[in-house]
Amino acid sequence: MPELERQERLQIMLTAEELEALEDWRFEQRMPSRAAAVRELLRRGLAAEGKLLAPGSKSTAYGVLDAVKKDGSAID
């Protein structure tokens, strides 16, 4: 499994209702973690604005930007 390099931490504050909605969506989508769910929602929002390609469906694709190997090729 490729190792992802996430070098930045983003902390956000949510209301109880926002957190509940996030958790409900996460479990419905069978996301592996809360962070993965937030990244997927961010990816989808950016894609909707035309900033990124459509979201991937593999669990390794739960990053905001497409994963890239050191040689520049995409990680499947």
C-alpha atoms as a PDB file:
ATOM      1  CA  MET A   1       0.000   0.000   0.000  1.00  0.00           C
ATOM      2  CA  PRO A   2       1.456   3.401  -0.920  1.00  0.00           C
ATOM      3  CA  GLU A   3       2.374   5.700   1.913  1.00  0.00           C
ATOM      4  CA  LEU A   4       0.630   9.075   1.772  1.00  0.00           C
ATOM      5  CA  GLU A   5       2.579  12.134   2.781  1.00  0.00           C
ATOM      6  CA  ARG A   6       0.228  14.487   4.590  1.00  0.00           C
ATOM      7  CA  GLN A   7       2.328  17.309   5.931  1.00  0.00           C
ATOM      8  CA  GLU A   8      -0.303  19.822   6.986  1.00  0.00           C
ATOM      9  CA  ARG A   9      -2.826  19.600   9.797  1.00  0.00           C
ATOM     10  CA  LEU A  10      -6.168  21.366   9.515  1.00  0.00           C
ATOM     11  CA  GLN A  11      -8.259  21.793  12.637  1.00  0.00           C
ATOM     12  CA  ILE A  12     -11.901  22.837  12.384  1.00  0.00           C
ATOM     13  CA  MET A  13     -14.644  23.457  14.879  1.00  0.00           C
ATOM     14  CA  LEU A  14     -18.081  21.953  14.184  1.00  0.00           C
ATOM     15  CA  THR A  15     -21.448  22.334  15.808  1.00  0.00           C
ATOM     16  CA  ALA A  16     -23.020  19.212  17.275  1.00  0.00           C
ATOM     17  CA  GLU A  17     -25.393  19.095  14.303  1.00  0.00           C
ATOM     18  CA  GLU A  18     -22.553  19.382  11.768  1.00  0.00           C
ATOM     19  CA  LEU A  19     -20.620  16.610  13.494  1.00  0.00           C
ATOM     20  CA  GLU A  20     -23.688  14.391  13.583  1.00  0.00           C
ATOM     21  CA  ALA A  21     -24.294  14.970   9.858  1.00  0.00           C
ATOM     22  CA  LEU A  22     -20.641  14.184   9.105  1.00  0.00           C
ATOM     23  CA  GLU A  23     -20.719  10.999  11.170  1.00  0.00           C
ATOM     24  CA  ASP A  24     -24.017   9.865   9.620  1.00  0.00           C
ATOM     25  CA  TRP A  25     -22.626  10.429   6.104  1.00  0.00           C
ATOM     26  CA  ARG A  26     -19.349   8.724   7.005  1.00  0.00           C
ATOM     27  CA  PHE A  27     -21.070   5.561   8.213  1.00  0.00           C
ATOM     28  CA  GLU A  28     -23.493   5.510   5.252  1.00  0.00           C
ATOM     29  CA  GLN A  29     -20.509   5.731   2.882  1.00  0.00           C
ATOM     30  CA  ARG A  30     -18.479   3.207   4.915  1.00  0.00           C
ATOM     31  CA  MET A  31     -15.579   5.629   5.164  1.00  0.00           C
ATOM     32  CA  PRO A  32     -12.576   4.345   7.145  1.00  0.00           C
ATOM     33  CA  SER A  33     -12.232   7.450   9.341  1.00  0.00           C
ATOM     34  CA  ARG A  34     -13.640  10.874  10.105  1.00  0.00           C
ATOM     35  CA  ALA A  35     -10.617  12.457   8.424  1.00  0.00           C
ATOM     36  CA  ALA A  36     -11.199  10.396   5.266  1.00  0.00           C
ATOM     37  CA  ALA A  37     -14.821  11.542   5.214  1.00  0.00           C
ATOM     38  CA  VAL A  38     -13.813  15.202   5.529  1.00  0.00           C
ATOM     39  CA  ARG A  39     -11.200  14.795   2.750  1.00  0.00           C
ATOM     40  CA  GLU A  40     -13.768  13.106   0.482  1.00  0.00           C
ATOM     41  CA  LEU A  41     -16.347  15.842   1.087  1.00  0.00           C
ATOM     42  CA  LEU A  42     -13.674  18.469   0.408  1.00  0.00           C
ATOM     43  CA  ARG A  43     -12.686  16.660  -2.784  1.00  0.00           C
ATOM     44  CA  ARG A  44     -16.326  16.493  -3.914  1.00  0.00           C
ATOM     45  CA  GLY A  45     -16.894  20.173  -3.167  1.00  0.00           C
ATOM     46  CA  LEU A  46     -13.805  21.202  -5.109  1.00  0.00           C
ATOM     47  CA  ALA A  47     -14.769  18.888  -7.985  1.00  0.00           C
ATOM     48  CA  ALA A  48     -18.229  20.475  -8.069  1.00  0.00           C
ATOM     49  CA  GLU A  49     -16.528  23.846  -8.480  1.00  0.00           C
ATOM     50  CA  GLY A  50     -14.415  22.479 -11.325  1.00  0.00           C
ATOM     51  CA  LYS A  51     -11.194  22.543  -9.310  1.00  0.00           C
ATOM     52  CA  LEU A  52     -10.493  18.778  -9.304  1.00  0.00           C
ATOM     53  CA  LEU A  53     -11.367  15.643 -11.202  1.00  0.00           C
ATOM     54  CA  ALA A  54     -14.262  13.510  -9.995  1.00  0.00           C
ATOM     55  CA  PRO A  55     -13.654  11.695  -6.691  1.00  0.00           C
ATOM     56  CA  GLY A  56     -12.115   8.215  -6.667  1.00  0.00           C
ATOM     57  CA  SER A  57     -13.834   5.220  -5.187  1.00  0.00           C
ATOM     58  CA  LYS A  58     -10.898   3.318  -3.640  1.00  0.00           C
ATOM     59  CA  SER A  59     -10.095   3.901   0.009  1.00  0.00           C
ATOM     60  CA  THR A  60      -6.555   4.887  -1.013  1.00  0.00           C
ATOM     61  CA  ALA A  61      -8.083   7.699  -3.061  1.00  0.00           C
ATOM     62  CA  TYR A  62      -9.492   9.541  -0.044  1.00  0.00           C
ATOM     63  CA  GLY A  63      -7.070  12.399  -0.478  1.00  0.00           C
ATOM     64  CA  VAL A  64      -7.985  15.755  -1.892  1.00  0.00           C
ATOM     65  CA  LEU A  65      -5.448  15.624  -4.718  1.00  0.00           C
ATOM     66  CA  ASP A  66      -4.612  12.542  -6.773  1.00  0.00           C
ATOM     67  CA  ALA A  67      -1.789  10.499  -5.251  1.00  0.00           C
ATOM     68  CA  VAL A  68       1.414  10.628  -7.271  1.00  0.00           C
ATOM     69  CA  LYS A  69       4.479   8.401  -7.129  1.00  0.00           C
ATOM     70  CA  LYS A  70       7.935   9.935  -6.835  1.00  0.00           C
ATOM     71  CA  ASP A  71       8.488   9.366 -10.564  1.00  0.00           C
ATOM     72  CA  GLY A  72       5.405  11.533 -11.280  1.00  0.00           C
ATOM     73  CA  SER A  73       3.024   8.727 -12.295  1.00  0.00           C
ATOM     74  CA  ALA A  74      -0.378   8.328 -10.648  1.00  0.00           C
ATOM     75  CA  ILE A  75      -0.886   5.761  -7.908  1.00  0.00           C
ATOM     76  CA  ASP A  76      -3.763   3.421  -8.779  1.00  0.00           C
END
